[in-house]
Amino acid sequence: VDKRAIPTAWKLLGDSDPWLRHAARVAIESQPAEAWAERALNEKDTDMALTALIALARVGDSKLQTQLLNRLAEFHFDDLAADQRLALARAYQLCFTRMGPPDAKVGNEVAKRIAVHFPSDDARVDRLTCELLVYLGWTGVAEKTLALLNGDRSETEKLHYLFCLRHVKEGWTMEQ
């Protein structure tokens, strides 16, 4: 454990330069999660907190999942800028893929919280949110995603949505 690594890198977790934020996150992740997990869960600055929570989702013990999900629930999409919404969705994704899928109740709560904001005015956020909603099995994802296919989206975006929809098992109508 490098006692200087965490405090030095922590200051950069909220930097406006995404490359510095990334480097700081990687530096934090290289240290034992036990040394900084509590700090990540209690960080007050939104940008720093979201980056630290992504790091925790990536390398933290799965026993921290409930605490991590509780902390992520404190962030509201309405209060976040597009880059912060993207970070929040990514933190949820990593939490579930690295720490295990949520139980149905938790998954539904997360899906309800973010589905209200799908689609948004940011294609990057929409792509990630769509993936997350499909993963969580939100029943309205097919209808909202199909509407995006008919909208003013690039061909690449439309292919992404089709790629996501292939995993939707429920929530389809015959017309769709």
C-alpha atoms as a PDB file:
ATOM      1  CA  VAL A   1       0.000   0.000   0.000  1.00  0.00           C
ATOM      2  CA  ASP A   2       1.356   3.377  -1.029  1.00  0.00           C
ATOM      3  CA  LYS A   3       0.116   5.808   1.626  1.00  0.00           C
ATOM      4  CA  ARG A   4       0.492   8.768  -0.773  1.00  0.00           C
ATOM      5  CA  ALA A   5      -1.276   7.221  -3.768  1.00  0.00           C
ATOM      6  CA  ILE A   6      -4.840   7.538  -2.512  1.00  0.00           C
ATOM      7  CA  PRO A   7      -4.725  11.181  -1.298  1.00  0.00           C
ATOM      8  CA  THR A   8      -2.749  12.260  -4.356  1.00  0.00           C
ATOM      9  CA  ALA A   9      -5.043  10.550  -6.855  1.00  0.00           C
ATOM     10  CA  TRP A  10      -8.234  11.371  -4.968  1.00  0.00           C
ATOM     11  CA  LYS A  11      -7.894  15.079  -5.728  1.00  0.00           C
ATOM     12  CA  LEU A  12      -8.031  14.274  -9.453  1.00  0.00           C
ATOM     13  CA  LEU A  13     -11.157  12.080  -9.370  1.00  0.00           C
ATOM     14  CA  GLY A  14     -13.276  15.134 -10.138  1.00  0.00           C
ATOM     15  CA  ASP A  15     -10.956  16.775 -12.658  1.00  0.00           C
ATOM     16  CA  SER A  16     -12.560  18.224 -15.766  1.00  0.00           C
ATOM     17  CA  ASP A  17     -10.070  16.304 -17.939  1.00  0.00           C
ATOM     18  CA  PRO A  18     -11.495  12.789 -18.442  1.00  0.00           C
ATOM     19  CA  TRP A  19      -8.014  11.344 -18.974  1.00  0.00           C
ATOM     20  CA  LEU A  20      -6.810  12.653 -15.614  1.00  0.00           C
ATOM     21  CA  ARG A  21      -9.980  11.329 -13.967  1.00  0.00           C
ATOM     22  CA  HIS A  22      -9.349   7.946 -15.577  1.00  0.00           C
ATOM     23  CA  ALA A  23      -5.698   7.883 -14.465  1.00  0.00           C
ATOM     24  CA  ALA A  24      -6.708   8.840 -10.932  1.00  0.00           C
ATOM     25  CA  ARG A  25      -9.350   6.102 -10.859  1.00  0.00           C
ATOM     26  CA  VAL A  26      -6.844   3.506 -12.051  1.00  0.00           C
ATOM     27  CA  ALA A  27      -4.366   4.657  -9.386  1.00  0.00           C
ATOM     28  CA  ILE A  28      -7.045   4.350  -6.696  1.00  0.00           C
ATOM     29  CA  GLU A  29      -8.068   0.910  -7.968  1.00  0.00           C
ATOM     30  CA  SER A  30      -4.465  -0.285  -7.693  1.00  0.00           C
ATOM     31  CA  GLN A  31      -4.655   0.177  -3.930  1.00  0.00           C
ATOM     32  CA  PRO A  32      -6.561  -2.231  -1.673  1.00  0.00           C
ATOM     33  CA  ALA A  33     -10.248  -1.305  -1.765  1.00  0.00           C
ATOM     34  CA  GLU A  34     -10.471  -1.608   2.012  1.00  0.00           C
ATOM     35  CA  ALA A  35      -8.164   1.412   2.245  1.00  0.00           C
ATOM     36  CA  TRP A  36     -10.542   3.729   0.372  1.00  0.00           C
ATOM     37  CA  ALA A  37     -14.012   2.129   0.125  1.00  0.00           C
ATOM     38  CA  GLU A  38     -15.461   4.104   3.040  1.00  0.00           C
ATOM     39  CA  ARG A  39     -14.128   7.331   1.574  1.00  0.00           C
ATOM     40  CA  ALA A  40     -15.731   6.511  -1.781  1.00  0.00           C
ATOM     41  CA  LEU A  41     -19.086   5.802  -0.140  1.00  0.00           C
ATOM     42  CA  ASN A  42     -18.979   9.103   1.754  1.00  0.00           C
ATOM     43  CA  GLU A  43     -17.515  11.458  -0.882  1.00  0.00           C
ATOM     44  CA  LYS A  44     -19.636  14.622  -1.132  1.00  0.00           C
ATOM     45  CA  ASP A  45     -18.405  16.096  -4.444  1.00  0.00           C
ATOM     46  CA  THR A  46     -20.610  14.611  -7.179  1.00  0.00           C
ATOM     47  CA  ASP A  47     -17.924  14.145  -9.840  1.00  0.00           C
ATOM     48  CA  MET A  48     -15.425  12.702  -7.393  1.00  0.00           C
ATOM     49  CA  ALA A  49     -18.062  10.465  -5.819  1.00  0.00           C
ATOM     50  CA  LEU A  50     -19.261   9.030  -9.129  1.00  0.00           C
ATOM     51  CA  THR A  51     -15.709   8.281 -10.261  1.00  0.00           C
ATOM     52  CA  ALA A  52     -14.838   6.747  -6.889  1.00  0.00           C
ATOM     53  CA  LEU A  53     -18.011   4.648  -6.936  1.00  0.00           C
ATOM     54  CA  ILE A  54     -17.140   3.364 -10.403  1.00  0.00           C
ATOM     55  CA  ALA A  55     -13.759   2.342  -8.988  1.00  0.00           C
ATOM     56  CA  LEU A  56     -15.447   0.642  -6.046  1.00  0.00           C
ATOM     57  CA  ALA A  57     -17.836  -1.215  -8.346  1.00  0.00           C
ATOM     58  CA  ARG A  58     -14.870  -2.390 -10.414  1.00  0.00           C
ATOM     59  CA  VAL A  59     -12.648  -3.717  -7.614  1.00  0.00           C
ATOM     60  CA  GLY A  60     -14.662  -3.702  -4.388  1.00  0.00           C
ATOM     61  CA  ASP A  61     -15.860  -6.765  -2.546  1.00  0.00           C
ATOM     62  CA  SER A  62     -19.344  -7.938  -3.486  1.00  0.00           C
ATOM     63  CA  LYS A  63     -20.304  -7.559   0.184  1.00  0.00           C
ATOM     64  CA  LEU A  64     -20.289  -3.804  -0.459  1.00  0.00           C
ATOM     65  CA  GLN A  65     -22.989  -4.010  -3.139  1.00  0.00           C
ATOM     66  CA  THR A  66     -25.860  -2.946  -0.884  1.00  0.00           C
ATOM     67  CA  GLN A  67     -23.922   0.047   0.428  1.00  0.00           C
ATOM     68  CA  LEU A  68     -22.883   0.955  -3.102  1.00  0.00           C
ATOM     69  CA  LEU A  69     -26.448   0.726  -4.415  1.00  0.00           C
ATOM     70  CA  ASN A  70     -27.718   2.821  -1.507  1.00  0.00           C
ATOM     71  CA  ARG A  71     -25.137   5.480  -2.283  1.00  0.00           C
ATOM     72  CA  LEU A  72     -25.929   5.440  -6.011  1.00  0.00           C
ATOM     73  CA  ALA A  73     -29.627   5.861  -5.172  1.00  0.00           C
ATOM     74  CA  GLU A  74     -28.787   9.222  -3.597  1.00  0.00           C
ATOM     75  CA  PHE A  75     -28.009  10.647  -7.042  1.00  0.00           C
ATOM     76  CA  HIS A  76     -30.986  11.857  -9.059  1.00  0.00           C
ATOM     77  CA  PHE A  77     -30.813  12.037 -12.853  1.00  0.00           C
ATOM     78  CA  ASP A  78     -32.616  15.401 -12.817  1.00  0.00           C
ATOM     79  CA  ASP A  79     -29.791  16.944 -10.809  1.00  0.00           C
ATOM     80  CA  LEU A  80     -26.971  15.592 -12.974  1.00  0.00           C
ATOM     81  CA  ALA A  81     -25.252  16.841 -16.115  1.00  0.00           C
ATOM     82  CA  ALA A  82     -25.012  14.440 -19.067  1.00  0.00           C
ATOM     83  CA  ASP A  83     -21.484  13.246 -18.183  1.00  0.00           C
ATOM     84  CA  GLN A  84     -22.588  12.618 -14.617  1.00  0.00           C
ATOM     85  CA  ARG A  85     -25.644  10.663 -15.813  1.00  0.00           C
ATOM     86  CA  LEU A  86     -23.314   8.576 -17.928  1.00  0.00           C
ATOM     87  CA  ALA A  87     -21.076   7.918 -14.912  1.00  0.00           C
ATOM     88  CA  LEU A  88     -24.069   6.979 -12.765  1.00  0.00           C
ATOM     89  CA  ALA A  89     -25.377   4.503 -15.343  1.00  0.00           C
ATOM     90  CA  ARG A  90     -21.866   3.054 -15.707  1.00  0.00           C
ATOM     91  CA  ALA A  91     -21.535   2.664 -11.944  1.00  0.00           C
ATOM     92  CA  TYR A  92     -24.815   0.724 -11.853  1.00  0.00           C
ATOM     93  CA  GLN A  93     -23.684  -1.466 -14.751  1.00  0.00           C
ATOM     94  CA  LEU A  94     -20.376  -2.287 -13.107  1.00  0.00           C
ATOM     95  CA  CYS A  95     -22.016  -2.878  -9.761  1.00  0.00           C
ATOM     96  CA  PHE A  96     -24.271  -5.533 -11.254  1.00  0.00           C
ATOM     97  CA  THR A  97     -21.766  -7.157 -13.599  1.00  0.00           C
ATOM     98  CA  ARG A  98     -18.878  -7.264 -11.120  1.00  0.00           C
ATOM     99  CA  MET A  99     -20.735  -7.752  -7.827  1.00  0.00           C
ATOM    100  CA  GLY A 100     -23.661  -9.826  -9.039  1.00  0.00           C
ATOM    101  CA  PRO A 101     -27.163  -9.216 -10.364  1.00  0.00           C
ATOM    102  CA  PRO A 102     -29.616  -7.469  -8.070  1.00  0.00           C
ATOM    103  CA  ASP A 103     -32.626  -9.194  -6.606  1.00  0.00           C
ATOM    104  CA  ALA A 104     -35.891  -8.429  -8.404  1.00  0.00           C
ATOM    105  CA  LYS A 105     -36.981  -5.719  -5.962  1.00  0.00           C
ATOM    106  CA  VAL A 106     -33.712  -3.781  -6.159  1.00  0.00           C
ATOM    107  CA  GLY A 107     -33.549  -4.206  -9.932  1.00  0.00           C
ATOM    108  CA  ASN A 108     -37.069  -2.842 -10.316  1.00  0.00           C
ATOM    109  CA  GLU A 109     -36.289   0.140  -8.086  1.00  0.00           C
ATOM    110  CA  VAL A 110     -33.196   1.027 -10.101  1.00  0.00           C
ATOM    111  CA  ALA A 111     -35.033   0.541 -13.404  1.00  0.00           C
ATOM    112  CA  LYS A 112     -37.922   2.788 -12.298  1.00  0.00           C
ATOM    113  CA  ARG A 113     -35.495   5.514 -11.218  1.00  0.00           C
ATOM    114  CA  ILE A 114     -33.660   5.657 -14.519  1.00  0.00           C
ATOM    115  CA  ALA A 115     -36.452   4.692 -16.938  1.00  0.00           C
ATOM    116  CA  VAL A 116     -38.191   8.006 -16.293  1.00  0.00           C
ATOM    117  CA  HIS A 117     -35.256   9.667 -18.038  1.00  0.00           C
ATOM    118  CA  PHE A 118     -35.093   7.357 -21.044  1.00  0.00           C
ATOM    119  CA  PRO A 119     -34.809   8.483 -23.723  1.00  0.00           C
ATOM    120  CA  SER A 120     -32.967  11.684 -22.969  1.00  0.00           C
ATOM    121  CA  ASP A 121     -31.380  14.383 -25.082  1.00  0.00           C
ATOM    122  CA  ASP A 122     -27.962  12.692 -24.983  1.00  0.00           C
ATOM    123  CA  ALA A 123     -27.305   9.695 -27.241  1.00  0.00           C
ATOM    124  CA  ARG A 124     -24.409   8.471 -25.068  1.00  0.00           C
ATOM    125  CA  VAL A 125     -26.612   8.350 -21.994  1.00  0.00           C
ATOM    126  CA  ASP A 126     -29.409   6.690 -23.954  1.00  0.00           C
ATOM    127  CA  ARG A 127     -27.151   3.894 -25.217  1.00  0.00           C
ATOM    128  CA  LEU A 128     -25.914   3.038 -21.743  1.00  0.00           C
ATOM    129  CA  THR A 129     -29.337   3.456 -20.139  1.00  0.00           C
ATOM    130  CA  CYS A 130     -30.903   1.161 -22.736  1.00  0.00           C
ATOM    131  CA  GLU A 131     -28.330  -1.538 -21.966  1.00  0.00           C
ATOM    132  CA  LEU A 132     -28.992  -1.196 -18.259  1.00  0.00           C
ATOM    133  CA  LEU A 133     -32.786  -1.277 -18.631  1.00  0.00           C
ATOM    134  CA  VAL A 134     -32.579  -4.392 -20.812  1.00  0.00           C
ATOM    135  CA  TYR A 135     -30.283  -6.044 -18.254  1.00  0.00           C
ATOM    136  CA  LEU A 136     -32.700  -5.194 -15.448  1.00  0.00           C
ATOM    137  CA  GLY A 137     -35.623  -6.578 -17.453  1.00  0.00           C
ATOM    138  CA  TRP A 138     -37.650  -3.373 -17.386  1.00  0.00           C
ATOM    139  CA  THR A 139     -40.875  -4.121 -19.271  1.00  0.00           C
ATOM    140  CA  GLY A 140     -41.120  -0.738 -21.006  1.00  0.00           C
ATOM    141  CA  VAL A 141     -37.719  -0.886 -22.648  1.00  0.00           C
ATOM    142  CA  ALA A 142     -38.909  -2.473 -25.901  1.00  0.00           C
ATOM    143  CA  GLU A 143     -41.534   0.181 -26.574  1.00  0.00           C
ATOM    144  CA  LYS A 144     -39.276   3.132 -25.779  1.00  0.00           C
ATOM    145  CA  THR A 145     -36.319   1.693 -27.682  1.00  0.00           C
ATOM    146  CA  LEU A 146     -38.398   0.900 -30.765  1.00  0.00           C
ATOM    147  CA  ALA A 147     -39.524   4.536 -30.772  1.00  0.00           C
ATOM    148  CA  LEU A 148     -35.857   5.555 -30.935  1.00  0.00           C
ATOM    149  CA  LEU A 149     -35.437   3.421 -34.052  1.00  0.00           C
ATOM    150  CA  ASN A 150     -38.031   5.563 -35.806  1.00  0.00           C
ATOM    151  CA  GLY A 151     -36.510   8.795 -34.571  1.00  0.00           C
ATOM    152  CA  ASP A 152     -33.717  11.021 -35.747  1.00  0.00           C
ATOM    153  CA  ARG A 153     -30.837   8.747 -34.758  1.00  0.00           C
ATOM    154  CA  SER A 154     -27.715   7.687 -36.608  1.00  0.00           C
ATOM    155  CA  GLU A 155     -27.548   4.257 -38.195  1.00  0.00           C
ATOM    156  CA  THR A 156     -24.890   3.291 -35.657  1.00  0.00           C
ATOM    157  CA  GLU A 157     -27.210   4.203 -32.781  1.00  0.00           C
ATOM    158  CA  LYS A 158     -30.081   2.290 -34.339  1.00  0.00           C
ATOM    159  CA  LEU A 159     -27.906  -0.801 -34.691  1.00  0.00           C
ATOM    160  CA  HIS A 160     -26.897  -0.480 -31.066  1.00  0.00           C
ATOM    161  CA  TYR A 161     -30.542  -0.387 -29.978  1.00  0.00           C
ATOM    162  CA  LEU A 162     -31.346  -3.430 -32.118  1.00  0.00           C
ATOM    163  CA  PHE A 163     -28.356  -5.186 -30.581  1.00  0.00           C
ATOM    164  CA  CYS A 164     -29.747  -4.418 -27.106  1.00  0.00           C
ATOM    165  CA  LEU A 165     -33.292  -5.465 -27.993  1.00  0.00           C
ATOM    166  CA  ARG A 166     -32.195  -8.963 -28.925  1.00  0.00           C
ATOM    167  CA  HIS A 167     -31.991  -9.691 -25.191  1.00  0.00           C
ATOM    168  CA  VAL A 168     -35.523  -8.517 -24.387  1.00  0.00           C
ATOM    169  CA  LYS A 169     -37.618 -11.559 -23.588  1.00  0.00           C
ATOM    170  CA  GLU A 170     -40.794  -9.934 -22.221  1.00  0.00           C
ATOM    171  CA  GLY A 171     -42.735  -6.766 -22.914  1.00  0.00           C
ATOM    172  CA  TRP A 172     -43.216  -7.225 -26.653  1.00  0.00           C
ATOM    173  CA  THR A 173     -46.554  -6.901 -28.419  1.00  0.00           C
ATOM    174  CA  MET A 174     -47.508  -8.625 -31.664  1.00  0.00           C
ATOM    175  CA  GLU A 175     -47.419  -5.265 -33.471  1.00  0.00           C
ATOM    176  CA  GLN A 176     -43.896  -4.618 -32.307  1.00  0.00           C
END
